[in-house]
Amino acid sequence: MSKLRDFITISRLKMLIATPTQPLLGIFLGAFSFYEINSYVLIFLILYLISIIYACNINCYYDRDVDIKYKVNLAQAVDNIGKSNLKKILILESGLIFILSTVFIINGFLITINYLYVGIFSIIGWVMSTIYSAEPIRIKKRGIISPLPLIIGLFALPFISGWIIITLSFYLYGLIFLLGYIFLNEGLNLINTLEDYTEDFSSNIKTWGHIFGIKNSMYISIIFTIIGSIMCILALFIKLSMIQNYFYNVFFSYIFIFITLIFSIIAIIDLIRIINSKNILKSIKLNSKKLPIWFATTRYPMLFASICMLLKI
């Protein structure tokens, strides 16, 4: 049981509470009817969750010497599992990712080309997760480009893949939402990056915080979150204007869009409080625990709104 707890720790399950929303948002925003949801959606969700766990595990594997300085529980979990055992777990996870990706690629030739793209994007996501953390590339330490693997592999591709399972038609509202979703999540995720500012600096890891400074990075975080929230909400309203209006789908969609707005404002207020604190770095470390809550409270209302739009009552 202790090994299982350690595995749960390095898989960051608290942070993963809101991760299923990422492909699901693509699926339900791409669809105009529940009848478009098929069994491959479930296979993709399994593939996606394995991919996210792999990304967390490989990050902990290569960040062990950094985490021991502050995120001791992560480093100790790696030590308890053992690096050799963790390497075997990473190989197993990679194998599962490639097997499921291959299933999509094969069915891309047999059934529909949509699945071919999903399989290819899943492999690209694996590559992004690997080069973000693993030596010798280790993009997370390379300054201005350090967020790119997260933006591509964590925020963009899951949404795009979920959408593509449903349709290859990419409407304007989908593009607006995708860009807004990237801004929103990268804005919030900057807190997670800045939290390790001191430890990263001592380990020769260069992030946006080291390039722009902590305070300017916080301004970027706030601006990104505001822009992202506005774009996502705008996209939801555009989708709502395109569907056939029934009482319940419009009523509940409006409620969840309003809840999205409220929780986005709450997250932005939290970010503003951080930048106005006397010790910004200390405030970042204290507030970083709110990140799973920010992700969940901004993503799930958007997902519920997109699901409610498909109601026909």
C-alpha atoms as a PDB file:
ATOM      1  CA  MET A   1       0.000   0.000   0.000  1.00  0.00           C
ATOM      2  CA  SER A   2       2.866   2.384   0.735  1.00  0.00           C
ATOM      3  CA  LYS A   3       4.169   1.979  -2.829  1.00  0.00           C
ATOM      4  CA  LEU A   4       0.680   2.693  -4.143  1.00  0.00           C
ATOM      5  CA  ARG A   5       0.522   5.872  -2.053  1.00  0.00           C
ATOM      6  CA  ASP A   6       3.904   6.907  -3.420  1.00  0.00           C
ATOM      7  CA  PHE A   7       2.710   6.277  -6.965  1.00  0.00           C
ATOM      8  CA  ILE A   8      -0.417   8.358  -6.301  1.00  0.00           C
ATOM      9  CA  THR A   9       1.849  11.119  -4.955  1.00  0.00           C
ATOM     10  CA  ILE A  10       4.089  11.272  -8.037  1.00  0.00           C
ATOM     11  CA  SER A  11       1.009  11.037 -10.275  1.00  0.00           C
ATOM     12  CA  ARG A  12      -0.275  14.209  -8.570  1.00  0.00           C
ATOM     13  CA  LEU A  13      -3.852  13.006  -8.438  1.00  0.00           C
ATOM     14  CA  LYS A  14      -4.954  16.194  -6.661  1.00  0.00           C
ATOM     15  CA  MET A  15      -3.741  18.166  -9.665  1.00  0.00           C
ATOM     16  CA  LEU A  16      -5.450  15.686 -12.001  1.00  0.00           C
ATOM     17  CA  ILE A  17      -8.951  16.280 -10.603  1.00  0.00           C
ATOM     18  CA  ALA A  18      -9.761  18.687 -13.425  1.00  0.00           C
ATOM     19  CA  THR A  19      -7.782  17.002 -16.214  1.00  0.00           C
ATOM     20  CA  PRO A  20     -10.648  14.897 -17.684  1.00  0.00           C
ATOM     21  CA  THR A  21     -12.314  18.161 -18.660  1.00  0.00           C
ATOM     22  CA  GLN A  22      -9.632  18.898 -21.262  1.00  0.00           C
ATOM     23  CA  PRO A  23     -10.538  16.259 -23.871  1.00  0.00           C
ATOM     24  CA  LEU A  24     -14.199  16.314 -22.793  1.00  0.00           C
ATOM     25  CA  LEU A  25     -14.446  20.017 -23.608  1.00  0.00           C
ATOM     26  CA  GLY A  26     -13.213  19.275 -27.125  1.00  0.00           C
ATOM     27  CA  ILE A  27     -15.673  16.380 -27.443  1.00  0.00           C
ATOM     28  CA  PHE A  28     -18.785  18.209 -26.265  1.00  0.00           C
ATOM     29  CA  LEU A  29     -17.985  21.550 -27.874  1.00  0.00           C
ATOM     30  CA  GLY A  30     -17.338  19.786 -31.190  1.00  0.00           C
ATOM     31  CA  ALA A  31     -20.616  17.873 -30.998  1.00  0.00           C
ATOM     32  CA  PHE A  32     -24.107  19.150 -31.758  1.00  0.00           C
ATOM     33  CA  SER A  33     -25.839  15.987 -30.555  1.00  0.00           C
ATOM     34  CA  PHE A  34     -25.246  13.256 -27.975  1.00  0.00           C
ATOM     35  CA  TYR A  35     -25.572  10.754 -30.840  1.00  0.00           C
ATOM     36  CA  GLU A  36     -22.156  11.908 -32.110  1.00  0.00           C
ATOM     37  CA  ILE A  37     -20.467  10.555 -28.967  1.00  0.00           C
ATOM     38  CA  ASN A  38     -19.082   7.070 -29.742  1.00  0.00           C
ATOM     39  CA  SER A  39     -17.146   4.299 -27.989  1.00  0.00           C
ATOM     40  CA  TYR A  40     -13.790   5.663 -29.175  1.00  0.00           C
ATOM     41  CA  VAL A  41     -14.306   8.568 -26.807  1.00  0.00           C
ATOM     42  CA  LEU A  42     -13.861   6.166 -23.868  1.00  0.00           C
ATOM     43  CA  ILE A  43     -10.704   4.653 -25.384  1.00  0.00           C
ATOM     44  CA  PHE A  44      -9.306   8.137 -25.917  1.00  0.00           C
ATOM     45  CA  LEU A  45     -10.054   9.139 -22.321  1.00  0.00           C
ATOM     46  CA  ILE A  46      -8.107   6.098 -21.080  1.00  0.00           C
ATOM     47  CA  LEU A  47      -5.226   6.981 -23.408  1.00  0.00           C
ATOM     48  CA  TYR A  48      -5.329  10.586 -22.244  1.00  0.00           C
ATOM     49  CA  LEU A  49      -5.287   9.725 -18.527  1.00  0.00           C
ATOM     50  CA  ILE A  50      -2.330   7.353 -18.983  1.00  0.00           C
ATOM     51  CA  SER A  51      -0.541  10.113 -20.913  1.00  0.00           C
ATOM     52  CA  ILE A  52      -1.137  12.665 -18.148  1.00  0.00           C
ATOM     53  CA  ILE A  53       0.045  10.247 -15.435  1.00  0.00           C
ATOM     54  CA  TYR A  54       3.143   9.513 -17.537  1.00  0.00           C
ATOM     55  CA  ALA A  55       3.831  13.259 -17.837  1.00  0.00           C
ATOM     56  CA  CYS A  56       3.613  13.668 -14.051  1.00  0.00           C
ATOM     57  CA  ASN A  57       5.748  10.588 -13.381  1.00  0.00           C
ATOM     58  CA  ILE A  58       8.549  11.529 -15.759  1.00  0.00           C
ATOM     59  CA  ASN A  59       8.581  15.049 -14.368  1.00  0.00           C
ATOM     60  CA  CYS A  60       9.028  13.697 -10.837  1.00  0.00           C
ATOM     61  CA  TYR A  61      11.715  11.272 -12.067  1.00  0.00           C
ATOM     62  CA  TYR A  62      13.888  14.037 -13.512  1.00  0.00           C
ATOM     63  CA  ASP A  63      12.974  16.668 -10.890  1.00  0.00           C
ATOM     64  CA  ARG A  64      13.903  14.532  -7.890  1.00  0.00           C
ATOM     65  CA  ASP A  65      17.011  16.579  -7.021  1.00  0.00           C
ATOM     66  CA  VAL A  66      15.068  19.833  -7.368  1.00  0.00           C
ATOM     67  CA  ASP A  67      12.015  18.618  -5.444  1.00  0.00           C
ATOM     68  CA  ILE A  68      14.100  17.491  -2.459  1.00  0.00           C
ATOM     69  CA  LYS A  69      14.735  21.193  -1.726  1.00  0.00           C
ATOM     70  CA  TYR A  70      11.067  22.131  -1.389  1.00  0.00           C
ATOM     71  CA  LYS A  71       8.571  19.506  -2.593  1.00  0.00           C
ATOM     72  CA  VAL A  72      10.065  16.884  -0.317  1.00  0.00           C
ATOM     73  CA  ASN A  73       7.052  14.560  -0.502  1.00  0.00           C
ATOM     74  CA  LEU A  74       7.538  14.148  -4.264  1.00  0.00           C
ATOM     75  CA  ALA A  75      11.256  13.432  -3.932  1.00  0.00           C
ATOM     76  CA  GLN A  76      10.679  10.961  -1.094  1.00  0.00           C
ATOM     77  CA  ALA A  77       7.994   9.176  -3.124  1.00  0.00           C
ATOM     78  CA  VAL A  78      10.486   8.756  -5.980  1.00  0.00           C
ATOM     79  CA  ASP A  79      13.081   7.404  -3.522  1.00  0.00           C
ATOM     80  CA  ASN A  80      10.561   5.012  -1.968  1.00  0.00           C
ATOM     81  CA  ILE A  81       9.550   3.610  -5.339  1.00  0.00           C
ATOM     82  CA  GLY A  82      13.158   3.574  -6.512  1.00  0.00           C
ATOM     83  CA  LYS A  83      14.403   5.173  -9.681  1.00  0.00           C
ATOM     84  CA  SER A  84      14.925   1.828 -11.398  1.00  0.00           C
ATOM     85  CA  ASN A  85      11.340   0.776 -10.620  1.00  0.00           C
ATOM     86  CA  LEU A  86      10.025   4.168 -11.697  1.00  0.00           C
ATOM     87  CA  LYS A  87      11.899   3.810 -14.969  1.00  0.00           C
ATOM     88  CA  LYS A  88      10.112   0.480 -15.539  1.00  0.00           C
ATOM     89  CA  ILE A  89       6.781   2.184 -14.805  1.00  0.00           C
ATOM     90  CA  LEU A  90       7.595   4.904 -17.354  1.00  0.00           C
ATOM     91  CA  ILE A  91       8.445   2.249 -19.963  1.00  0.00           C
ATOM     92  CA  LEU A  92       5.155   0.440 -19.230  1.00  0.00           C
ATOM     93  CA  GLU A  93       3.158   3.681 -19.482  1.00  0.00           C
ATOM     94  CA  SER A  94       4.930   4.566 -22.729  1.00  0.00           C
ATOM     95  CA  GLY A  95       4.116   1.119 -24.116  1.00  0.00           C
ATOM     96  CA  LEU A  96       0.434   1.532 -23.289  1.00  0.00           C
ATOM     97  CA  ILE A  97       0.395   4.990 -24.868  1.00  0.00           C
ATOM     98  CA  PHE A  98       1.940   3.694 -28.084  1.00  0.00           C
ATOM     99  CA  ILE A  99      -0.361   0.650 -28.205  1.00  0.00           C
ATOM    100  CA  LEU A 100      -3.521   2.747 -27.805  1.00  0.00           C
ATOM    101  CA  SER A 101      -2.178   5.394 -30.204  1.00  0.00           C
ATOM    102  CA  THR A 102      -1.523   2.639 -32.742  1.00  0.00           C
ATOM    103  CA  VAL A 103      -5.120   1.423 -32.319  1.00  0.00           C
ATOM    104  CA  PHE A 104      -6.300   4.894 -33.308  1.00  0.00           C
ATOM    105  CA  ILE A 105      -3.844   5.093 -36.219  1.00  0.00           C
ATOM    106  CA  ILE A 106      -4.923   1.704 -37.608  1.00  0.00           C
ATOM    107  CA  ASN A 107      -8.591   2.613 -37.275  1.00  0.00           C
ATOM    108  CA  GLY A 108      -7.763   5.889 -38.970  1.00  0.00           C
ATOM    109  CA  PHE A 109      -7.155   3.846 -42.121  1.00  0.00           C
ATOM    110  CA  LEU A 110      -9.987   1.372 -41.538  1.00  0.00           C
ATOM    111  CA  ILE A 111     -12.815   3.587 -40.247  1.00  0.00           C
ATOM    112  CA  THR A 112     -12.220   7.333 -40.444  1.00  0.00           C
ATOM    113  CA  ILE A 113      -9.181   9.560 -40.850  1.00  0.00           C
ATOM    114  CA  ASN A 114     -10.229  11.391 -37.683  1.00  0.00           C
ATOM    115  CA  TYR A 115      -8.758   8.583 -35.576  1.00  0.00           C
ATOM    116  CA  LEU A 116      -5.467   8.746 -37.478  1.00  0.00           C
ATOM    117  CA  TYR A 117      -4.986  12.330 -36.324  1.00  0.00           C
ATOM    118  CA  VAL A 118      -5.917  11.418 -32.742  1.00  0.00           C
ATOM    119  CA  GLY A 119      -3.263   8.670 -32.696  1.00  0.00           C
ATOM    120  CA  ILE A 120      -0.583  10.957 -34.157  1.00  0.00           C
ATOM    121  CA  PHE A 121      -1.423  13.789 -31.751  1.00  0.00           C
ATOM    122  CA  SER A 122      -1.259  11.373 -28.810  1.00  0.00           C
ATOM    123  CA  ILE A 123       2.279  10.367 -29.799  1.00  0.00           C
ATOM    124  CA  ILE A 124       3.208  14.033 -30.192  1.00  0.00           C
ATOM    125  CA  GLY A 125       1.811  14.595 -26.682  1.00  0.00           C
ATOM    126  CA  TRP A 126       4.084  11.812 -25.381  1.00  0.00           C
ATOM    127  CA  VAL A 127       7.052  13.499 -27.070  1.00  0.00           C
ATOM    128  CA  MET A 128       6.109  16.869 -25.508  1.00  0.00           C
ATOM    129  CA  SER A 129       5.855  15.306 -22.035  1.00  0.00           C
ATOM    130  CA  THR A 130       9.224  13.595 -22.447  1.00  0.00           C
ATOM    131  CA  ILE A 131      11.275  16.492 -23.788  1.00  0.00           C
ATOM    132  CA  TYR A 132       9.755  18.867 -21.225  1.00  0.00           C
ATOM    133  CA  SER A 133      11.380  16.986 -18.337  1.00  0.00           C
ATOM    134  CA  ALA A 134      13.969  14.545 -19.697  1.00  0.00           C
ATOM    135  CA  GLU A 135      17.627  15.234 -20.276  1.00  0.00           C
ATOM    136  CA  PRO A 136      19.378  16.211 -22.427  1.00  0.00           C
ATOM    137  CA  ILE A 137      16.657  18.382 -24.012  1.00  0.00           C
ATOM    138  CA  ARG A 138      14.729  19.277 -20.803  1.00  0.00           C
ATOM    139  CA  ILE A 139      12.818  22.220 -22.265  1.00  0.00           C
ATOM    140  CA  LYS A 140      11.469  23.251 -18.848  1.00  0.00           C
ATOM    141  CA  LYS A 141      14.872  24.822 -18.076  1.00  0.00           C
ATOM    142  CA  ARG A 142      15.207  26.666 -21.398  1.00  0.00           C
ATOM    143  CA  GLY A 143      13.712  30.026 -20.580  1.00  0.00           C
ATOM    144  CA  ILE A 144      11.292  31.597 -23.020  1.00  0.00           C
ATOM    145  CA  ILE A 145      10.297  28.309 -24.672  1.00  0.00           C
ATOM    146  CA  SER A 146       9.886  26.427 -21.375  1.00  0.00           C
ATOM    147  CA  PRO A 147       6.035  26.519 -21.379  1.00  0.00           C
ATOM    148  CA  LEU A 148       5.681  25.260 -24.983  1.00  0.00           C
ATOM    149  CA  PRO A 149       5.434  21.513 -24.217  1.00  0.00           C
ATOM    150  CA  LEU A 150       2.738  22.246 -21.630  1.00  0.00           C
ATOM    151  CA  ILE A 151       0.835  24.548 -23.970  1.00  0.00           C
ATOM    152  CA  ILE A 152       0.990  22.047 -26.828  1.00  0.00           C
ATOM    153  CA  GLY A 153       0.838  18.702 -25.049  1.00  0.00           C
ATOM    154  CA  LEU A 154      -1.272  19.528 -22.002  1.00  0.00           C
ATOM    155  CA  PHE A 155      -3.665  22.284 -23.060  1.00  0.00           C
ATOM    156  CA  ALA A 156      -3.982  22.267 -26.872  1.00  0.00           C
ATOM    157  CA  LEU A 157      -3.713  18.677 -28.153  1.00  0.00           C
ATOM    158  CA  PRO A 158      -6.181  17.037 -25.718  1.00  0.00           C
ATOM    159  CA  PHE A 159      -8.862  19.560 -26.681  1.00  0.00           C
ATOM    160  CA  ILE A 160      -8.078  19.258 -30.399  1.00  0.00           C
ATOM    161  CA  SER A 161      -8.032  15.449 -30.257  1.00  0.00           C
ATOM    162  CA  GLY A 162     -11.346  15.354 -28.406  1.00  0.00           C
ATOM    163  CA  TRP A 163     -12.834  17.649 -31.027  1.00  0.00           C
ATOM    164  CA  ILE A 164     -11.435  15.614 -33.925  1.00  0.00           C
ATOM    165  CA  ILE A 165     -12.982  12.396 -32.594  1.00  0.00           C
ATOM    166  CA  ILE A 166     -16.316  14.108 -33.235  1.00  0.00           C
ATOM    167  CA  THR A 167     -15.638  16.160 -36.365  1.00  0.00           C
ATOM    168  CA  LEU A 168     -12.928  17.551 -38.643  1.00  0.00           C
ATOM    169  CA  SER A 169     -14.930  20.758 -39.112  1.00  0.00           C
ATOM    170  CA  PHE A 170     -13.299  23.379 -36.905  1.00  0.00           C
ATOM    171  CA  TYR A 171     -15.720  26.242 -36.307  1.00  0.00           C
ATOM    172  CA  LEU A 172     -14.640  29.749 -35.337  1.00  0.00           C
ATOM    173  CA  TYR A 173     -15.963  29.385 -31.791  1.00  0.00           C
ATOM    174  CA  GLY A 174     -13.767  26.285 -31.388  1.00  0.00           C
ATOM    175  CA  LEU A 175     -10.652  28.251 -32.337  1.00  0.00           C
ATOM    176  CA  ILE A 176     -11.612  31.120 -30.009  1.00  0.00           C
ATOM    177  CA  PHE A 177     -12.194  28.670 -27.174  1.00  0.00           C
ATOM    178  CA  LEU A 178      -8.929  26.821 -27.819  1.00  0.00           C
ATOM    179  CA  LEU A 179      -6.857  30.006 -27.739  1.00  0.00           C
ATOM    180  CA  GLY A 180      -8.736  31.259 -24.685  1.00  0.00           C
ATOM    181  CA  TYR A 181      -8.288  27.919 -22.946  1.00  0.00           C
ATOM    182  CA  ILE A 182      -4.531  28.075 -23.543  1.00  0.00           C
ATOM    183  CA  PHE A 183      -4.320  31.627 -22.173  1.00  0.00           C
ATOM    184  CA  LEU A 184      -6.500  30.808 -19.153  1.00  0.00           C
ATOM    185  CA  ASN A 185      -4.651  27.661 -18.141  1.00  0.00           C
ATOM    186  CA  GLU A 186      -1.155  28.968 -18.803  1.00  0.00           C
ATOM    187  CA  GLY A 187      -2.052  32.082 -16.819  1.00  0.00           C
ATOM    188  CA  LEU A 188      -3.071  29.971 -13.833  1.00  0.00           C
ATOM    189  CA  ASN A 189      -0.251  27.463 -14.296  1.00  0.00           C
ATOM    190  CA  LEU A 190       2.393  30.198 -14.055  1.00  0.00           C
ATOM    191  CA  ILE A 191       1.818  30.029 -10.297  1.00  0.00           C
ATOM    192  CA  ASN A 192       2.968  26.423 -10.359  1.00  0.00           C
ATOM    193  CA  THR A 193       6.092  27.487 -12.264  1.00  0.00           C
ATOM    194  CA  LEU A 194       6.870  30.492 -10.055  1.00  0.00           C
ATOM    195  CA  GLU A 195       6.433  28.413  -6.919  1.00  0.00           C
ATOM    196  CA  ASP A 196       9.792  26.754  -7.650  1.00  0.00           C
ATOM    197  CA  TYR A 197      11.577  30.018  -8.508  1.00  0.00           C
ATOM    198  CA  THR A 198      14.362  29.715  -5.915  1.00  0.00           C
ATOM    199  CA  GLU A 199      14.843  25.962  -6.255  1.00  0.00           C
ATOM    200  CA  ASP A 200      14.876  26.167 -10.073  1.00  0.00           C
ATOM    201  CA  PHE A 201      17.456  28.958  -9.984  1.00  0.00           C
ATOM    202  CA  SER A 202      19.783  26.920  -7.754  1.00  0.00           C
ATOM    203  CA  SER A 203      19.408  23.966 -10.153  1.00  0.00           C
ATOM    204  CA  ASN A 204      20.129  26.018 -13.296  1.00  0.00           C
ATOM    205  CA  ILE A 205      16.516  25.779 -14.502  1.00  0.00           C
ATOM    206  CA  LYS A 206      15.453  28.956 -16.273  1.00  0.00           C
ATOM    207  CA  THR A 207      11.733  29.709 -16.505  1.00  0.00           C
ATOM    208  CA  TRP A 208       9.644  32.782 -17.300  1.00  0.00           C
ATOM    209  CA  GLY A 209      10.048  33.885 -13.694  1.00  0.00           C
ATOM    210  CA  HIS A 210      13.813  34.152 -14.177  1.00  0.00           C
ATOM    211  CA  ILE A 211      13.496  35.929 -17.535  1.00  0.00           C
ATOM    212  CA  PHE A 212      10.746  38.436 -16.733  1.00  0.00           C
ATOM    213  CA  GLY A 213      11.053  38.550 -12.955  1.00  0.00           C
ATOM    214  CA  ILE A 214       8.483  37.335 -10.434  1.00  0.00           C
ATOM    215  CA  LYS A 215       6.317  40.470 -10.412  1.00  0.00           C
ATOM    216  CA  ASN A 216       6.188  40.841 -14.204  1.00  0.00           C
ATOM    217  CA  SER A 217       5.420  37.125 -14.511  1.00  0.00           C
ATOM    218  CA  MET A 218       2.512  37.650 -12.129  1.00  0.00           C
ATOM    219  CA  TYR A 219       1.240  40.456 -14.350  1.00  0.00           C
ATOM    220  CA  ILE A 220       1.469  38.055 -17.295  1.00  0.00           C
ATOM    221  CA  SER A 221      -0.446  35.490 -15.249  1.00  0.00           C
ATOM    222  CA  ILE A 222      -3.248  37.962 -14.526  1.00  0.00           C
ATOM    223  CA  ILE A 223      -3.444  39.248 -18.119  1.00  0.00           C
ATOM    224  CA  PHE A 224      -3.454  35.717 -19.577  1.00  0.00           C
ATOM    225  CA  THR A 225      -6.168  34.607 -17.147  1.00  0.00           C
ATOM    226  CA  ILE A 226      -8.381  37.606 -17.944  1.00  0.00           C
ATOM    227  CA  ILE A 227      -7.959  37.248 -21.719  1.00  0.00           C
ATOM    228  CA  GLY A 228      -8.477  33.485 -21.549  1.00  0.00           C
ATOM    229  CA  SER A 229     -11.631  33.765 -19.437  1.00  0.00           C
ATOM    230  CA  ILE A 230     -13.171  36.314 -21.791  1.00  0.00           C
ATOM    231  CA  MET A 231     -12.364  34.271 -24.899  1.00  0.00           C
ATOM    232  CA  CYS A 232     -13.703  31.007 -23.433  1.00  0.00           C
ATOM    233  CA  ILE A 233     -16.948  32.619 -22.294  1.00  0.00           C
ATOM    234  CA  LEU A 234     -17.348  34.375 -25.654  1.00  0.00           C
ATOM    235  CA  ALA A 235     -16.856  31.056 -27.472  1.00  0.00           C
ATOM    236  CA  LEU A 236     -19.501  29.389 -25.289  1.00  0.00           C
ATOM    237  CA  PHE A 237     -21.988  32.140 -26.151  1.00  0.00           C
ATOM    238  CA  ILE A 238     -21.197  31.771 -29.872  1.00  0.00           C
ATOM    239  CA  LYS A 239     -21.803  28.001 -29.677  1.00  0.00           C
ATOM    240  CA  LEU A 240     -25.033  28.656 -27.791  1.00  0.00           C
ATOM    241  CA  SER A 241     -26.216  30.931 -30.590  1.00  0.00           C
ATOM    242  CA  MET A 242     -25.635  28.138 -33.133  1.00  0.00           C
ATOM    243  CA  ILE A 243     -27.688  25.415 -31.473  1.00  0.00           C
ATOM    244  CA  GLN A 244     -31.428  24.793 -31.614  1.00  0.00           C
ATOM    245  CA  ASN A 245     -32.922  26.548 -28.621  1.00  0.00           C
ATOM    246  CA  TYR A 246     -34.944  24.608 -26.080  1.00  0.00           C
ATOM    247  CA  PHE A 247     -35.808  25.898 -22.632  1.00  0.00           C
ATOM    248  CA  TYR A 248     -33.538  23.638 -20.590  1.00  0.00           C
ATOM    249  CA  ASN A 249     -30.449  23.699 -22.804  1.00  0.00           C
ATOM    250  CA  VAL A 250     -30.410  27.498 -22.894  1.00  0.00           C
ATOM    251  CA  PHE A 251     -31.382  27.951 -19.236  1.00  0.00           C
ATOM    252  CA  PHE A 252     -28.763  25.588 -17.790  1.00  0.00           C
ATOM    253  CA  SER A 253     -26.085  26.669 -20.282  1.00  0.00           C
ATOM    254  CA  TYR A 254     -26.504  30.274 -19.145  1.00  0.00           C
ATOM    255  CA  ILE A 255     -26.280  29.210 -15.500  1.00  0.00           C
ATOM    256  CA  PHE A 256     -23.005  27.335 -16.006  1.00  0.00           C
ATOM    257  CA  ILE A 257     -21.521  30.098 -18.167  1.00  0.00           C
ATOM    258  CA  PHE A 258     -22.359  32.540 -15.362  1.00  0.00           C
ATOM    259  CA  ILE A 259     -20.709  30.184 -12.821  1.00  0.00           C
ATOM    260  CA  THR A 260     -17.625  30.076 -15.074  1.00  0.00           C
ATOM    261  CA  LEU A 261     -17.517  33.865 -15.000  1.00  0.00           C
ATOM    262  CA  ILE A 262     -17.842  33.981 -11.202  1.00  0.00           C
ATOM    263  CA  PHE A 263     -15.072  31.453 -10.562  1.00  0.00           C
ATOM    264  CA  SER A 264     -12.808  33.087 -13.163  1.00  0.00           C
ATOM    265  CA  ILE A 265     -13.212  36.390 -11.336  1.00  0.00           C
ATOM    266  CA  ILE A 266     -12.426  34.675  -8.012  1.00  0.00           C
ATOM    267  CA  ALA A 267      -9.216  33.195  -9.473  1.00  0.00           C
ATOM    268  CA  ILE A 268      -8.221  36.588 -10.925  1.00  0.00           C
ATOM    269  CA  ILE A 269      -8.842  38.268  -7.553  1.00  0.00           C
ATOM    270  CA  ASP A 270      -6.605  35.656  -5.908  1.00  0.00           C
ATOM    271  CA  LEU A 271      -3.857  36.442  -8.439  1.00  0.00           C
ATOM    272  CA  ILE A 272      -4.224  40.181  -7.809  1.00  0.00           C
ATOM    273  CA  ARG A 273      -3.934  39.585  -4.057  1.00  0.00           C
ATOM    274  CA  ILE A 274      -0.700  37.688  -4.636  1.00  0.00           C
ATOM    275  CA  ILE A 275       0.877  40.515  -6.637  1.00  0.00           C
ATOM    276  CA  ASN A 276      -0.207  43.066  -4.011  1.00  0.00           C
ATOM    277  CA  SER A 277       1.266  41.093  -1.123  1.00  0.00           C
ATOM    278  CA  LYS A 278       4.422  42.266   0.640  1.00  0.00           C
ATOM    279  CA  ASN A 279       6.319  39.083  -0.173  1.00  0.00           C
ATOM    280  CA  ILE A 280       5.126  37.894  -3.594  1.00  0.00           C
ATOM    281  CA  LEU A 281       7.180  34.700  -3.663  1.00  0.00           C
ATOM    282  CA  LYS A 282       5.951  33.645  -0.218  1.00  0.00           C
ATOM    283  CA  SER A 283       2.376  34.409  -1.258  1.00  0.00           C
ATOM    284  CA  ILE A 284       2.837  32.356  -4.442  1.00  0.00           C
ATOM    285  CA  LYS A 285       4.005  29.358  -2.416  1.00  0.00           C
ATOM    286  CA  LEU A 286       1.028  29.673  -0.066  1.00  0.00           C
ATOM    287  CA  ASN A 287      -1.503  30.127  -2.861  1.00  0.00           C
ATOM    288  CA  SER A 288      -0.089  27.439  -5.167  1.00  0.00           C
ATOM    289  CA  LYS A 289      -2.221  24.923  -3.244  1.00  0.00           C
ATOM    290  CA  LYS A 290      -5.259  26.602  -4.806  1.00  0.00           C
ATOM    291  CA  LEU A 291      -4.187  25.644  -8.335  1.00  0.00           C
ATOM    292  CA  PRO A 292      -6.245  22.405  -8.497  1.00  0.00           C
ATOM    293  CA  ILE A 293      -9.248  24.397  -7.239  1.00  0.00           C
ATOM    294  CA  TRP A 294      -8.725  27.128  -9.856  1.00  0.00           C
ATOM    295  CA  PHE A 295      -8.487  24.516 -12.610  1.00  0.00           C
ATOM    296  CA  ALA A 296     -11.569  22.611 -11.423  1.00  0.00           C
ATOM    297  CA  THR A 297     -13.795  25.639 -10.775  1.00  0.00           C
ATOM    298  CA  THR A 298     -13.062  27.249 -14.136  1.00  0.00           C
ATOM    299  CA  ARG A 299     -13.085  24.095 -16.285  1.00  0.00           C
ATOM    300  CA  TYR A 300     -16.030  22.072 -14.974  1.00  0.00           C
ATOM    301  CA  PRO A 301     -18.663  24.825 -15.347  1.00  0.00           C
ATOM    302  CA  MET A 302     -17.520  25.277 -18.972  1.00  0.00           C
ATOM    303  CA  LEU A 303     -17.815  21.530 -19.509  1.00  0.00           C
ATOM    304  CA  PHE A 304     -21.282  21.387 -17.953  1.00  0.00           C
ATOM    305  CA  ALA A 305     -22.354  24.336 -20.124  1.00  0.00           C
ATOM    306  CA  SER A 306     -21.125  22.544 -23.258  1.00  0.00           C
ATOM    307  CA  ILE A 307     -22.995  19.368 -22.220  1.00  0.00           C
ATOM    308  CA  CYS A 308     -26.197  21.283 -21.460  1.00  0.00           C
ATOM    309  CA  MET A 309     -26.125  22.776 -24.959  1.00  0.00           C
ATOM    310  CA  LEU A 310     -26.792  19.291 -26.354  1.00  0.00           C
ATOM    311  CA  LEU A 311     -29.992  18.834 -24.336  1.00  0.00           C
ATOM    312  CA  LYS A 312     -33.105  18.589 -26.488  1.00  0.00           C
ATOM    313  CA  ILE A 313     -35.730  19.375 -23.831  1.00  0.00           C
END
